[in-house]
């Protein structure tokens, strides 16, 4: 993993941990529903940000190597990326 991306991804996971603890506390305290939803949406945005970093790393490392190899490896890279794209579009809505 690229050092800068790894550092940023780990930082993002720490933020997510805090957000999830906060969400759990809000639910336990029976906070106002709209506040809980707002926190949940913030967590989803943080997860999207983490996913973007992970995809960037994958493109800069593995995918670039797979394309350089060509043939079957190149096709595998395309298939992986299409699968992630489809998962995002189905579950990301």
C-alpha atoms as a PDB file:
ATOM      1  CA  UNK A   1       0.000   0.000   0.000  1.00  0.00           C
ATOM      2  CA  UNK A   2       1.254   3.473  -0.842  1.00  0.00           C
ATOM      3  CA  UNK A   3       2.486   5.078   2.401  1.00  0.00           C
ATOM      4  CA  UNK A   4       0.525   8.335   2.074  1.00  0.00           C
ATOM      5  CA  UNK A   5      -2.708   6.558   1.198  1.00  0.00           C
ATOM      6  CA  UNK A   6      -2.200   4.083   4.037  1.00  0.00           C
ATOM      7  CA  UNK A   7      -1.729   6.947   6.505  1.00  0.00           C
ATOM      8  CA  UNK A   8      -4.861   8.705   5.257  1.00  0.00           C
ATOM      9  CA  UNK A   9      -6.907   5.474   5.257  1.00  0.00           C
ATOM     10  CA  UNK A  10      -5.896   4.662   8.831  1.00  0.00           C
ATOM     11  CA  UNK A  11      -6.783   8.215   9.871  1.00  0.00           C
ATOM     12  CA  UNK A  12     -10.178   7.804   8.212  1.00  0.00           C
ATOM     13  CA  UNK A  13     -10.800   4.535  10.114  1.00  0.00           C
ATOM     14  CA  UNK A  14     -10.067   6.301  13.421  1.00  0.00           C
ATOM     15  CA  UNK A  15     -12.617   8.962  12.518  1.00  0.00           C
ATOM     16  CA  UNK A  16     -15.116   6.238  11.622  1.00  0.00           C
ATOM     17  CA  UNK A  17     -14.552   4.492  14.960  1.00  0.00           C
ATOM     18  CA  UNK A  18     -15.406   7.709  16.787  1.00  0.00           C
ATOM     19  CA  UNK A  19     -18.428   8.355  14.607  1.00  0.00           C
ATOM     20  CA  UNK A  20     -19.751   4.837  15.208  1.00  0.00           C
ATOM     21  CA  UNK A  21     -19.269   5.143  18.966  1.00  0.00           C
ATOM     22  CA  UNK A  22     -21.120   8.451  18.820  1.00  0.00           C
ATOM     23  CA  UNK A  23     -23.956   6.893  16.823  1.00  0.00           C
ATOM     24  CA  UNK A  24     -24.261   4.020  19.298  1.00  0.00           C
ATOM     25  CA  UNK A  25     -24.419   6.507  22.190  1.00  0.00           C
ATOM     26  CA  UNK A  26     -27.052   8.579  20.400  1.00  0.00           C
ATOM     27  CA  UNK A  27     -29.226   5.500  19.860  1.00  0.00           C
ATOM     28  CA  UNK A  28     -28.730   4.346  23.438  1.00  0.00           C
ATOM     29  CA  UNK A  29     -29.678   7.827  24.717  1.00  0.00           C
ATOM     30  CA  UNK A  30     -32.678   7.895  22.368  1.00  0.00           C
ATOM     31  CA  UNK A  31     -31.571  11.181  20.814  1.00  0.00           C
ATOM     32  CA  UNK A  32     -33.731  12.996  18.286  1.00  0.00           C
ATOM     33  CA  UNK A  33     -34.186  10.753  15.227  1.00  0.00           C
ATOM     34  CA  UNK A  34     -33.044  13.384  12.742  1.00  0.00           C
ATOM     35  CA  UNK A  35     -29.809  13.845  14.687  1.00  0.00           C
ATOM     36  CA  UNK A  36     -29.196  10.094  14.607  1.00  0.00           C
ATOM     37  CA  UNK A  37     -29.892   9.991  10.860  1.00  0.00           C
ATOM     38  CA  UNK A  38     -27.536  12.921  10.300  1.00  0.00           C
ATOM     39  CA  UNK A  39     -24.786  11.074  12.172  1.00  0.00           C
ATOM     40  CA  UNK A  40     -25.481   7.905  10.181  1.00  0.00           C
ATOM     41  CA  UNK A  41     -25.232   9.829   6.913  1.00  0.00           C
ATOM     42  CA  UNK A  42     -21.928  11.372   8.047  1.00  0.00           C
ATOM     43  CA  UNK A  43     -20.606   7.853   8.669  1.00  0.00           C
ATOM     44  CA  UNK A  44     -21.689   6.779   5.196  1.00  0.00           C
ATOM     45  CA  UNK A  45     -19.874   9.773   3.722  1.00  0.00           C
ATOM     46  CA  UNK A  46     -16.745   8.827   5.674  1.00  0.00           C
ATOM     47  CA  UNK A  47     -16.979   5.264   4.365  1.00  0.00           C
ATOM     48  CA  UNK A  48     -17.244   6.574   0.805  1.00  0.00           C
ATOM     49  CA  UNK A  49     -14.143   8.655   1.435  1.00  0.00           C
ATOM     50  CA  UNK A  50     -12.289   5.588   2.733  1.00  0.00           C
ATOM     51  CA  UNK A  51     -13.424   3.538  -0.270  1.00  0.00           C
ATOM     52  CA  UNK A  52     -12.160   6.245  -2.611  1.00  0.00           C
ATOM     53  CA  UNK A  53      -8.723   6.054  -0.989  1.00  0.00           C
ATOM     54  CA  UNK A  54      -8.681   2.263  -1.263  1.00  0.00           C
ATOM     55  CA  UNK A  55      -9.699   2.353  -4.928  1.00  0.00           C
ATOM     56  CA  UNK A  56      -7.034   4.972  -5.609  1.00  0.00           C
ATOM     57  CA  UNK A  57      -4.398   2.730  -4.006  1.00  0.00           C
ATOM     58  CA  UNK A  58      -5.625  -0.282  -5.965  1.00  0.00           C
ATOM     59  CA  UNK A  59      -5.479   1.643  -9.241  1.00  0.00           C
ATOM     60  CA  UNK A  60      -2.002   3.014  -8.577  1.00  0.00           C
ATOM     61  CA  UNK A  61      -0.562  -0.344  -7.515  1.00  0.00           C
ATOM     62  CA  UNK A  62      -2.311  -3.561  -8.433  1.00  0.00           C
ATOM     63  CA  UNK A  63      -4.290  -2.407 -11.472  1.00  0.00           C
ATOM     64  CA  UNK A  64      -1.315  -0.659 -12.999  1.00  0.00           C
ATOM     65  CA  UNK A  65       0.769  -3.834 -12.552  1.00  0.00           C
ATOM     66  CA  UNK A  66      -2.017  -6.010 -13.960  1.00  0.00           C
ATOM     67  CA  UNK A  67      -2.371  -3.790 -17.030  1.00  0.00           C
ATOM     68  CA  UNK A  68       1.380  -3.885 -17.556  1.00  0.00           C
ATOM     69  CA  UNK A  69       1.238  -7.698 -17.577  1.00  0.00           C
ATOM     70  CA  UNK A  70      -1.576  -7.587 -20.120  1.00  0.00           C
ATOM     71  CA  UNK A  71      -3.662 -10.545 -21.254  1.00  0.00           C
ATOM     72  CA  UNK A  72      -5.500 -12.434 -18.538  1.00  0.00           C
ATOM     73  CA  UNK A  73      -4.268 -10.136 -15.754  1.00  0.00           C
ATOM     74  CA  UNK A  74      -5.538  -7.071 -17.588  1.00  0.00           C
ATOM     75  CA  UNK A  75      -8.953  -8.687 -18.035  1.00  0.00           C
ATOM     76  CA  UNK A  76      -9.006  -9.625 -14.341  1.00  0.00           C
ATOM     77  CA  UNK A  77      -8.349  -6.001 -13.376  1.00  0.00           C
ATOM     78  CA  UNK A  78     -11.217  -4.810 -15.583  1.00  0.00           C
ATOM     79  CA  UNK A  79     -13.540  -7.467 -14.115  1.00  0.00           C
ATOM     80  CA  UNK A  80     -12.627  -6.468 -10.528  1.00  0.00           C
ATOM     81  CA  UNK A  81     -13.268  -2.803 -11.188  1.00  0.00           C
ATOM     82  CA  UNK A  82     -16.585  -3.470 -12.886  1.00  0.00           C
ATOM     83  CA  UNK A  83     -17.657  -5.627  -9.936  1.00  0.00           C
ATOM     84  CA  UNK A  84     -16.862  -2.812  -7.477  1.00  0.00           C
ATOM     85  CA  UNK A  85     -18.650  -0.322  -9.732  1.00  0.00           C
ATOM     86  CA  UNK A  86     -21.749  -2.557  -9.830  1.00  0.00           C
ATOM     87  CA  UNK A  87     -21.693  -3.095  -6.047  1.00  0.00           C
ATOM     88  CA  UNK A  88     -21.474   0.635  -5.513  1.00  0.00           C
ATOM     89  CA  UNK A  89     -24.367   1.368  -7.842  1.00  0.00           C
ATOM     90  CA  UNK A  90     -26.600  -1.357  -6.399  1.00  0.00           C
ATOM     91  CA  UNK A  91     -25.851  -0.780  -2.719  1.00  0.00           C
ATOM     92  CA  UNK A  92     -24.793   2.851  -2.911  1.00  0.00           C
ATOM     93  CA  UNK A  93     -28.258   4.145  -3.714  1.00  0.00           C
END
